[in-house]
Amino acid sequence: MTAVELDPPLVKRLESLAEFQRNLTVVHGDILTTDLAKISAGKRMRIYGNLPYYITSPILHHFFEHAQLIDEIHVVIQLEVAQRLTAHPGSKSYGYLSVLTQYYARPDLALRIPRGAFRPPPEVDSALVSMRLPGESAKLKLGDEAAFLGFVKACFAQKRKTLANNLRGICEPKGVHKILKGLNLREDARAEQLRVEELAAVFRAAK
């Protein structure tokens, strides 16, 4: 087990614990710059943590960059963000972060945690989210994942606008309409209405 912690007092407590728990290694550092591949040392990983709420998205991006090394991720995060990770197309919470997460993992909102469970209590409710890897990426096999995620970000650039409008910088609206029609999707479709595999199909056709 490897514990990554940035806060010096907590690092000190972990190091005291490591004196009695010989299987525990303590890394004093920022998880955003921690080399997960080095920690894994060729082994599969399970990640557990209570993430700083204000940088949850960058941390998840960092984890997913090493998705090929990870079996499971179990993290406590802000409830609103947890709902976005697990949202379905057509729901208010569905967006880029939903697609990113579901592309790499199969997320489940495992437990809601009230504010009173913490001392001092935060100003928001929390949740435990369990993510088992891989997600849709296993069957989509897109290859250039960075290009796909950039495409998805463009699709959600202005959430209430149609794909044809959001993708003007990539493809002419008439071209987008033709692609959507060829995929049996509505020509006025918005990104928030499409499943991950449907967005992947549009991405392939627009390349």
Protein backbone atom coordinates (compact mmCIF):
# COMPACT_ATOMS: atom_id res chain seq x y z
CA MET A 1 0.00 0.00 0.00
CA THR A 2 1.22 3.48 -0.92
CA ALA A 3 -0.25 6.62 0.67
CA VAL A 4 0.17 9.92 -1.18
CA GLU A 5 -0.30 12.98 1.03
CA LEU A 6 0.63 16.65 0.64
CA ASP A 7 -0.20 18.02 4.10
CA PRO A 8 2.91 17.80 6.37
CA PRO A 9 1.07 17.02 9.66
CA LEU A 10 -0.81 14.17 7.98
CA VAL A 11 2.39 12.91 6.38
CA LYS A 12 3.99 12.79 9.82
CA ARG A 13 1.08 10.74 11.20
CA LEU A 14 1.24 8.37 8.24
CA GLU A 15 4.97 7.91 8.68
CA SER A 16 4.40 7.03 12.35
CA LEU A 17 1.84 4.45 11.24
CA ALA A 18 4.27 3.07 8.66
CA GLU A 19 6.71 2.20 11.45
CA PHE A 20 4.26 -0.50 12.54
CA GLN A 21 2.72 -1.30 9.15
CA ARG A 22 5.64 -2.51 7.07
CA ASN A 23 3.53 -2.84 3.93
CA LEU A 24 2.78 0.91 3.96
CA THR A 25 4.90 3.34 1.92
CA VAL A 26 4.31 7.07 2.40
CA VAL A 27 4.87 9.53 -0.46
CA HIS A 28 4.99 13.19 0.56
CA GLY A 29 3.75 14.90 -2.57
CA ASP A 30 0.95 16.22 -4.76
CA ILE A 31 -1.19 13.50 -6.33
CA LEU A 32 -1.42 15.62 -9.50
CA THR A 33 2.32 15.28 -10.08
CA THR A 34 2.80 11.81 -8.63
CA ASP A 35 4.11 9.18 -11.05
CA LEU A 36 1.46 6.47 -10.73
CA ALA A 37 3.32 4.19 -13.12
CA LYS A 38 6.33 4.29 -10.82
CA ILE A 39 4.17 3.47 -7.81
CA SER A 40 2.48 0.57 -9.57
CA ALA A 41 5.85 -0.96 -10.50
CA GLY A 42 4.19 -3.15 -13.11
CA LYS A 43 1.32 -4.27 -10.86
CA ARG A 44 -2.38 -3.51 -11.15
CA MET A 45 -3.69 -0.71 -8.92
CA ARG A 46 -6.74 0.04 -6.79
CA ILE A 47 -7.07 3.67 -5.77
CA TYR A 48 -8.87 4.91 -2.65
CA GLY A 49 -9.05 8.49 -1.49
CA ASN A 50 -10.86 11.52 -0.13
CA LEU A 51 -10.21 14.02 -2.91
CA PRO A 52 -9.86 17.78 -2.43
CA TYR A 53 -13.18 18.94 -3.84
CA TYR A 54 -11.81 21.96 -5.69
CA ILE A 55 -9.45 19.87 -7.85
CA THR A 56 -11.51 16.70 -8.30
CA SER A 57 -11.64 17.03 -12.09
CA PRO A 58 -7.87 17.45 -12.62
CA ILE A 59 -7.20 14.49 -10.31
CA LEU A 60 -9.61 12.28 -12.24
CA HIS A 61 -7.94 13.31 -15.50
CA HIS A 62 -4.60 12.32 -13.95
CA PHE A 63 -5.96 8.94 -12.90
CA PHE A 64 -7.45 8.26 -16.33
CA GLU A 65 -4.14 9.05 -18.00
CA HIS A 66 -2.97 5.87 -16.26
CA ALA A 67 -6.18 3.92 -16.86
CA GLN A 68 -4.31 0.93 -18.27
CA LEU A 69 -2.75 0.38 -14.81
CA ILE A 70 -5.93 0.71 -12.73
CA ASP A 71 -8.59 -1.84 -11.84
CA GLU A 72 -10.73 0.25 -9.48
CA ILE A 73 -11.07 3.80 -8.13
CA HIS A 74 -13.06 4.51 -4.95
CA VAL A 75 -13.17 8.19 -3.95
CA VAL A 76 -15.16 10.53 -1.73
CA ILE A 77 -16.08 13.68 -3.66
CA GLN A 78 -18.70 16.42 -3.69
CA LEU A 79 -22.18 15.00 -4.28
CA GLU A 80 -22.87 17.34 -7.21
CA VAL A 81 -19.73 16.11 -8.98
CA ALA A 82 -20.58 12.48 -8.18
CA GLN A 83 -23.95 12.98 -9.87
CA ARG A 84 -22.19 14.36 -12.94
CA LEU A 85 -19.87 11.35 -13.16
CA THR A 86 -22.78 8.91 -13.07
CA ALA A 87 -25.32 10.94 -15.08
CA HIS A 88 -27.18 9.51 -18.07
CA PRO A 89 -27.82 11.27 -21.41
CA GLY A 90 -30.75 13.66 -21.24
CA SER A 91 -30.29 14.45 -17.57
CA LYS A 92 -29.35 17.88 -16.24
CA SER A 93 -26.02 16.64 -14.86
CA TYR A 94 -24.79 14.92 -18.03
CA GLY A 95 -21.82 16.64 -19.64
CA TYR A 96 -18.16 16.38 -20.58
CA LEU A 97 -17.10 14.99 -17.19
CA SER A 98 -19.78 12.29 -17.48
CA VAL A 99 -18.48 11.20 -20.89
CA LEU A 100 -14.84 11.32 -19.77
CA THR A 101 -15.56 9.14 -16.75
CA GLN A 102 -17.81 6.67 -18.54
CA TYR A 103 -15.35 6.34 -21.39
CA TYR A 104 -12.67 5.11 -18.99
CA ALA A 105 -14.73 3.54 -16.20
CA ARG A 106 -18.07 2.20 -15.00
CA PRO A 107 -19.03 4.65 -12.23
CA ASP A 108 -21.50 3.96 -9.45
CA LEU A 109 -22.69 6.38 -6.79
CA ALA A 110 -22.21 3.93 -3.95
CA LEU A 111 -23.03 6.06 -0.90
CA ARG A 112 -24.32 9.54 -0.11
CA ILE A 113 -22.52 11.14 2.83
CA PRO A 114 -24.19 13.98 4.80
CA ARG A 115 -22.26 17.05 5.85
CA GLY A 116 -22.54 16.05 9.50
CA ALA A 117 -20.35 13.00 8.88
CA PHE A 118 -17.29 15.27 8.78
CA ARG A 119 -15.58 17.40 11.41
CA PRO A 120 -15.68 20.25 10.70
CA PRO A 121 -18.66 19.78 8.36
CA PRO A 122 -18.18 21.03 4.77
CA GLU A 123 -20.65 23.36 3.09
CA VAL A 124 -21.73 20.66 0.61
CA ASP A 125 -22.92 17.07 0.71
CA SER A 126 -20.53 14.32 -0.34
CA ALA A 127 -20.64 10.89 -1.91
CA LEU A 128 -18.53 7.79 -2.36
CA VAL A 129 -18.16 6.93 -6.03
CA SER A 130 -16.83 3.54 -7.12
CA MET A 131 -15.36 3.29 -10.62
CA ARG A 132 -14.38 -0.01 -12.16
CA LEU A 133 -12.16 0.03 -15.20
CA PRO A 134 -12.32 -0.25 -18.13
CA GLY A 135 -15.40 1.61 -19.30
CA GLU A 136 -16.65 2.19 -22.84
CA SER A 137 -13.06 2.50 -24.09
CA ALA A 138 -12.69 -1.29 -24.03
CA LYS A 139 -15.22 -1.81 -26.80
CA LEU A 140 -14.84 1.47 -28.70
CA LYS A 141 -11.06 1.18 -29.22
CA LEU A 142 -10.75 4.70 -30.65
CA GLY A 143 -6.97 4.85 -30.60
CA ASP A 144 -6.46 8.62 -30.40
CA GLU A 145 -8.17 9.19 -27.07
CA ALA A 146 -6.86 12.73 -26.66
CA ALA A 147 -8.43 13.73 -29.99
CA PHE A 148 -11.74 12.13 -29.00
CA LEU A 149 -11.85 13.90 -25.63
CA GLY A 150 -11.00 17.21 -27.32
CA PHE A 151 -13.88 16.54 -29.73
CA VAL A 152 -16.24 15.79 -26.83
CA LYS A 153 -15.19 19.01 -25.09
CA ALA A 154 -16.08 20.92 -28.28
CA CYS A 155 -19.44 19.13 -28.45
CA PHE A 156 -20.28 20.38 -24.94
CA ALA A 157 -18.74 23.85 -25.42
CA GLN A 158 -22.16 25.47 -25.12
CA LYS A 159 -24.37 22.79 -23.68
CA ARG A 160 -27.73 24.04 -24.91
CA LYS A 161 -26.55 24.48 -28.50
CA THR A 162 -26.83 21.77 -31.13
CA LEU A 163 -23.86 19.70 -32.23
CA ALA A 164 -23.95 21.44 -35.60
CA ASN A 165 -23.40 24.81 -33.89
CA ASN A 166 -20.77 23.64 -31.39
CA LEU A 167 -18.75 21.83 -34.07
CA ARG A 168 -18.55 24.74 -36.54
CA GLY A 169 -14.80 24.91 -36.03
CA ILE A 170 -14.44 21.25 -37.02
CA CYS A 171 -17.14 20.63 -39.61
CA GLU A 172 -19.70 22.67 -41.52
CA PRO A 173 -23.24 22.44 -40.07
CA LYS A 174 -24.49 20.72 -43.23
CA GLY A 175 -21.75 18.12 -42.80
CA VAL A 176 -22.75 17.52 -39.17
CA HIS A 177 -26.40 17.16 -40.18
CA LYS A 178 -25.39 14.59 -42.81
CA ILE A 179 -23.32 12.63 -40.28
CA LEU A 180 -26.14 12.61 -37.73
CA LYS A 181 -28.68 11.53 -40.33
CA GLY A 182 -26.37 8.73 -41.45
CA LEU A 183 -26.17 7.51 -37.85
CA ASN A 184 -29.97 7.66 -37.44
CA LEU A 185 -29.66 10.53 -34.98
CA ARG A 186 -31.66 13.75 -34.95
CA GLU A 187 -30.09 16.48 -37.05
CA ASP A 188 -30.75 18.98 -34.23
CA ALA A 189 -29.20 16.71 -31.59
CA ARG A 190 -27.30 18.19 -28.67
CA ALA A 191 -24.32 16.53 -27.03
CA GLU A 192 -26.22 16.11 -23.77
CA GLN A 193 -28.63 13.75 -25.57
CA LEU A 194 -26.01 11.31 -26.89
CA ARG A 195 -24.47 8.26 -25.25
CA VAL A 196 -20.70 7.81 -25.21
CA GLU A 197 -20.80 5.34 -28.10
CA GLU A 198 -22.94 7.73 -30.17
CA LEU A 199 -20.49 10.59 -29.60
CA ALA A 200 -17.70 8.19 -30.62
CA ALA A 201 -19.57 7.35 -33.82
CA VAL A 202 -19.95 11.05 -34.68
CA PHE A 203 -16.24 11.56 -33.92
CA ARG A 204 -15.24 8.76 -36.31
CA ALA A 205 -17.47 10.07 -39.07
CA ALA A 206 -16.21 13.65 -38.67
CA LYS A 207 -12.49 12.74 -38.89
